Amino acid sequence: MTSKKCLVYRHVPFEDLGVFEPLLNAAGYDVEYFEVGSADFDIIAPVAADLLIVLGAPISANDAADYPFLDEEIRNIRGRVENGRPTVGICLGMQLIAAALGAEVKPGAEPEIGWGPIDLTRAGSESVLSPLAGMPVLHWHSDTAALPKNAALLAQTDLCANQAFSVGPNVLALQFHIEINPERIEQWLIAHAVELAKAGVKPNKIRAGNARFGLDAALTGAMIFKRWLDALPAKAPALASTSHH
């Protein structure tokens, strides 16, 4: 059996595939982390990989003036989505997919950091996300993305109108974190110490939520991701090119 390739755009070391990685290995994928910012986009062929996963980071999709690699990253994501190539975005990754499809990314009304449930839309209830109904997940973002054209809205919260969307069967974008390994929460708390202090969020509050909800959220997140992987079409349909300004 020929192995498939999963390319992972990782922006910061502690935000990795978490509970998704063993599932990818079991499904026959060779996982390759591309360290965004320190590696050269010219050395990879993003459209060629069987799967691209774009992970989170404490920067904004609008920060290309400060982080010039974002322009190229968004171009790469756009090329994949327009070619119907399987792509998953989490947190910043979700916002980069939205930006690649011409949707606005902007600061939310306030940061959404901590454990809380999402409200599934009707489409969300009929999607792989259905097991998340009423289940607290980890939120950790300040920006929010508008819903791209031709995308299906899957989930929302009071603070964030677009918590998840899909574009056909091959593109899944999640604002929240179902990939996080609950045993790694301390690394997140340390690395985000400044952001937490600025938002007035106490680490103990996230620790307590992690102790209460983390394992269930991780098991459910793994199940959701496996269902999504299993449902990928053998041959991806190409999407019509979208216009951008």
Protein backbone atom coordinates (compact mmCIF):
# COMPACT_ATOMS: atom_id res chain seq x y z
CA MET A 1 0.00 0.00 0.00
CA THR A 2 1.48 3.32 -1.03
CA SER A 3 1.57 5.79 1.80
CA LYS A 4 -0.17 9.13 1.51
CA LYS A 5 1.41 12.40 2.51
CA CYS A 6 -0.02 14.79 5.08
CA LEU A 7 1.70 18.18 5.06
CA VAL A 8 1.25 20.18 8.26
CA TYR A 9 1.82 23.93 8.47
CA ARG A 10 3.02 24.46 12.05
CA HIS A 11 3.61 28.01 13.28
CA VAL A 12 4.64 27.42 16.91
CA PRO A 13 6.08 24.18 18.33
CA PHE A 14 3.47 23.58 21.03
CA GLU A 15 0.52 23.77 18.62
CA ASP A 16 0.89 20.43 16.86
CA LEU A 17 -1.47 17.74 15.54
CA GLY A 18 -2.16 16.47 19.05
CA VAL A 19 -4.64 13.60 19.02
CA PHE A 20 -4.93 13.74 15.21
CA GLU A 21 -1.41 12.40 14.56
CA PRO A 22 -1.94 8.75 15.60
CA LEU A 23 -5.07 8.63 13.43
CA LEU A 24 -3.14 9.87 10.41
CA ASN A 25 -0.42 7.28 10.98
CA ALA A 26 -3.05 4.54 11.30
CA ALA A 27 -4.71 5.72 8.07
CA GLY A 28 -1.45 5.33 6.15
CA TYR A 29 -0.31 8.96 6.02
CA ASP A 30 3.31 10.03 6.32
CA VAL A 31 3.14 13.22 8.40
CA GLU A 32 5.55 16.00 7.47
CA TYR A 33 5.66 19.17 9.57
CA PHE A 34 6.51 22.32 7.64
CA GLU A 35 7.83 24.86 10.16
CA VAL A 36 6.26 28.09 8.91
CA GLY A 37 8.59 31.06 9.20
CA SER A 38 11.82 29.08 9.37
CA ALA A 39 11.38 26.85 6.31
CA ASP A 40 11.13 27.99 2.70
CA PHE A 41 7.77 27.58 0.96
CA ASP A 42 9.67 27.01 -2.31
CA ILE A 43 10.83 23.58 -1.12
CA ILE A 44 7.32 22.12 -0.93
CA ALA A 45 4.54 21.48 -3.42
CA PRO A 46 1.46 22.20 -1.28
CA VAL A 47 -1.11 21.16 -3.87
CA ALA A 48 0.64 17.81 -4.36
CA ALA A 49 0.23 16.59 -0.75
CA ASP A 50 -2.74 14.27 -0.20
CA LEU A 51 -3.78 16.33 2.84
CA LEU A 52 -2.82 19.74 4.22
CA ILE A 53 -3.50 20.69 7.84
CA VAL A 54 -2.94 24.31 8.85
CA LEU A 55 -2.52 24.77 12.60
CA GLY A 56 -2.92 27.74 14.91
CA ALA A 57 -0.68 30.57 16.13
CA PRO A 58 -0.97 33.73 18.24
CA ILE A 59 -0.81 36.00 15.18
CA SER A 60 -3.49 37.32 12.83
CA ALA A 61 -4.17 36.35 9.24
CA ASN A 62 -3.98 40.12 8.60
CA ASP A 63 -0.42 40.45 9.90
CA ALA A 64 1.41 40.02 6.58
CA ALA A 65 3.12 43.41 6.99
CA ASP A 66 4.79 42.04 10.12
CA TYR A 67 4.90 38.37 9.05
CA PRO A 68 5.39 38.36 5.25
CA PHE A 69 5.18 34.57 4.96
CA LEU A 70 1.41 34.87 5.48
CA ASP A 71 0.87 36.11 1.91
CA GLU A 72 2.52 33.03 0.46
CA GLU A 73 0.80 30.73 2.93
CA ILE A 74 -2.60 32.12 1.92
CA ARG A 75 -1.72 31.70 -1.78
CA ASN A 76 -0.77 28.07 -1.17
CA ILE A 77 -4.01 27.39 0.69
CA ARG A 78 -6.04 29.06 -2.08
CA GLY A 79 -4.35 26.84 -4.68
CA ARG A 80 -5.27 23.74 -2.74
CA VAL A 81 -8.88 24.67 -2.09
CA GLU A 82 -9.46 25.76 -5.70
CA ASN A 83 -8.10 22.37 -6.80
CA GLY A 84 -10.42 20.53 -4.43
CA ARG A 85 -7.50 19.14 -2.40
CA PRO A 86 -8.28 17.91 1.14
CA THR A 87 -7.48 20.70 3.60
CA VAL A 88 -8.13 21.24 7.32
CA GLY A 89 -7.63 24.52 9.17
CA ILE A 90 -7.67 25.00 12.95
CA CYS A 91 -7.89 28.41 14.64
CA LEU A 92 -5.47 30.62 12.64
CA GLY A 93 -5.60 27.87 10.02
CA MET A 94 -9.37 28.31 9.77
CA GLN A 95 -8.95 32.06 9.35
CA LEU A 96 -6.28 31.57 6.66
CA ILE A 97 -8.64 29.31 4.69
CA ALA A 98 -11.34 31.98 5.00
CA ALA A 99 -8.90 34.69 3.86
CA ALA A 100 -7.75 32.49 0.96
CA LEU A 101 -11.39 32.31 -0.16
CA GLY A 102 -11.83 36.09 -0.01
CA ALA A 103 -13.63 36.32 3.35
CA GLU A 104 -12.81 39.08 5.85
CA VAL A 105 -10.81 38.29 8.98
CA LYS A 106 -11.06 40.89 11.76
CA PRO A 107 -10.76 41.22 15.56
CA GLY A 108 -13.71 39.75 17.44
CA ALA A 109 -15.74 41.75 19.94
CA GLU A 110 -13.52 40.27 22.67
CA PRO A 111 -11.10 37.35 22.98
CA GLU A 112 -12.76 33.95 23.35
CA ILE A 113 -10.41 31.91 25.54
CA GLY A 114 -11.46 28.92 27.63
CA TRP A 115 -13.83 25.97 27.62
CA GLY A 116 -17.36 26.33 26.34
CA PRO A 117 -19.90 24.65 24.07
CA ILE A 118 -20.61 25.53 20.45
CA ASP A 119 -24.02 25.80 18.82
CA LEU A 120 -24.25 23.53 15.79
CA THR A 121 -26.22 24.81 12.82
CA ARG A 122 -28.56 22.48 10.97
CA ALA A 123 -25.75 21.70 8.52
CA GLY A 124 -23.41 21.16 11.47
CA SER A 125 -25.82 18.71 13.10
CA GLU A 126 -25.79 16.70 9.87
CA SER A 127 -21.98 16.86 9.57
CA VAL A 128 -19.08 15.02 11.21
CA LEU A 129 -19.28 17.64 13.99
CA SER A 130 -22.61 16.26 15.27
CA PRO A 131 -21.02 14.58 18.36
CA LEU A 132 -20.05 18.06 19.62
CA ALA A 133 -23.65 19.03 20.39
CA GLY A 134 -23.61 20.42 23.93
CA MET A 135 -19.98 19.45 24.53
CA PRO A 136 -17.50 22.07 25.81
CA VAL A 137 -14.47 22.58 23.56
CA LEU A 138 -11.35 24.71 23.96
CA HIS A 139 -11.63 28.19 22.44
CA TRP A 140 -8.50 30.31 22.07
CA HIS A 141 -8.78 33.18 19.61
CA SER A 142 -9.12 36.94 19.30
CA ASP A 143 -9.92 37.25 15.60
CA THR A 144 -12.97 36.02 13.74
CA ALA A 145 -13.58 35.21 10.07
CA ALA A 146 -16.60 35.91 7.90
CA LEU A 147 -18.16 32.92 6.15
CA PRO A 148 -16.62 32.45 2.69
CA LYS A 149 -18.85 32.29 -0.36
CA ASN A 150 -19.94 28.71 -1.17
CA ALA A 151 -19.08 27.56 2.37
CA ALA A 152 -21.52 25.85 4.75
CA LEU A 153 -21.67 27.28 8.28
CA LEU A 154 -21.44 24.40 10.77
CA ALA A 155 -21.19 26.04 14.20
CA GLN A 156 -21.30 29.34 16.08
CA THR A 157 -21.19 30.84 19.58
CA ASP A 158 -22.53 34.08 21.02
CA LEU A 159 -19.07 35.65 20.69
CA CYS A 160 -18.23 34.21 17.28
CA ALA A 161 -20.72 33.85 14.43
CA ASN A 162 -18.43 31.52 12.44
CA GLN A 163 -16.97 28.72 14.56
CA ALA A 164 -16.70 26.13 11.79
CA PHE A 165 -17.37 25.79 8.09
CA SER A 166 -16.88 23.34 5.27
CA VAL A 167 -16.45 23.71 1.53
CA GLY A 168 -17.66 20.48 -0.01
CA PRO A 169 -16.40 17.22 1.52
CA ASN A 170 -12.71 18.16 1.25
CA VAL A 171 -12.32 21.38 3.27
CA LEU A 172 -13.00 21.59 7.01
CA ALA A 173 -12.24 24.75 8.98
CA LEU A 174 -12.55 24.91 12.77
CA GLN A 175 -12.12 28.00 14.95
CA PHE A 176 -11.87 25.91 18.15
CA HIS A 177 -9.38 23.23 19.19
CA ILE A 178 -10.46 19.58 19.09
CA GLU A 179 -6.94 18.42 18.26
CA ILE A 180 -5.32 19.35 21.59
CA ASN A 181 -3.88 16.59 23.74
CA PRO A 182 -5.12 17.41 27.27
CA GLU A 183 -1.79 16.25 28.71
CA ARG A 184 -0.08 19.13 26.87
CA ILE A 185 -2.18 21.98 28.29
CA GLU A 186 0.68 23.34 30.43
CA GLN A 187 2.74 24.10 27.31
CA TRP A 188 -0.13 26.19 25.97
CA LEU A 189 -0.51 28.04 29.27
CA ILE A 190 3.20 28.84 29.45
CA ALA A 191 3.53 29.90 25.82
CA HIS A 192 0.38 32.06 25.97
CA ALA A 193 1.12 33.62 29.37
CA VAL A 194 1.18 37.19 27.99
CA GLU A 195 -2.02 36.72 25.97
CA LEU A 196 -3.83 35.20 28.97
CA ALA A 197 -2.78 38.06 31.24
CA LYS A 198 -3.87 40.63 28.65
CA ALA A 199 -7.27 38.93 28.30
CA GLY A 200 -7.67 38.63 32.07
CA VAL A 201 -7.94 34.84 31.91
CA LYS A 202 -6.46 32.89 34.82
CA PRO A 203 -4.49 29.75 33.88
CA ASN A 204 -6.25 27.85 36.68
CA LYS A 205 -9.59 28.39 34.97
CA ILE A 206 -8.32 26.70 31.80
CA ARG A 207 -6.64 23.97 33.87
CA ALA A 208 -9.91 23.23 35.67
CA GLY A 209 -11.80 23.06 32.36
CA ASN A 210 -9.13 20.81 30.93
CA ALA A 211 -9.38 18.45 33.90
CA ARG A 212 -13.15 18.32 33.56
CA PHE A 213 -13.66 18.29 29.78
CA GLY A 214 -10.26 17.68 28.16
CA LEU A 215 -10.33 13.90 27.82
CA ASP A 216 -13.89 13.74 26.46
CA ALA A 217 -13.14 16.58 24.04
CA ALA A 218 -9.98 14.84 22.82
CA LEU A 219 -11.72 11.48 22.33
CA THR A 220 -14.60 13.17 20.50
CA GLY A 221 -12.19 15.29 18.45
CA ALA A 222 -10.29 12.18 17.38
CA MET A 223 -13.54 10.43 16.41
CA ILE A 224 -14.67 13.45 14.38
CA PHE A 225 -11.36 13.71 12.54
CA LYS A 226 -11.35 9.98 11.76
CA ARG A 227 -14.88 10.22 10.35
CA TRP A 228 -13.85 13.16 8.19
CA LEU A 229 -10.75 11.33 6.93
CA ASP A 230 -12.75 8.17 6.19
CA ALA A 231 -15.32 10.15 4.20
CA LEU A 232 -12.82 11.85 1.88
CA PRO A 233 -13.64 11.11 -1.76
CA ALA A 234 -11.11 8.95 -3.58
CA LYS A 235 -10.81 11.63 -6.26
CA ALA A 236 -11.21 15.25 -5.27
CA PRO A 237 -13.31 17.45 -7.56
CA ALA A 238 -11.66 20.71 -8.63
CA LEU A 239 -13.42 23.86 -7.49
CA ALA A 240 -14.02 26.80 -9.79
CA SER A 241 -11.46 29.52 -9.33
CA THR A 242 -12.64 32.38 -7.12
CA SER A 243 -11.92 36.02 -7.82
CA HIS A 244 -9.93 38.10 -5.35
CA HIS A 245 -9.21 41.76 -4.91
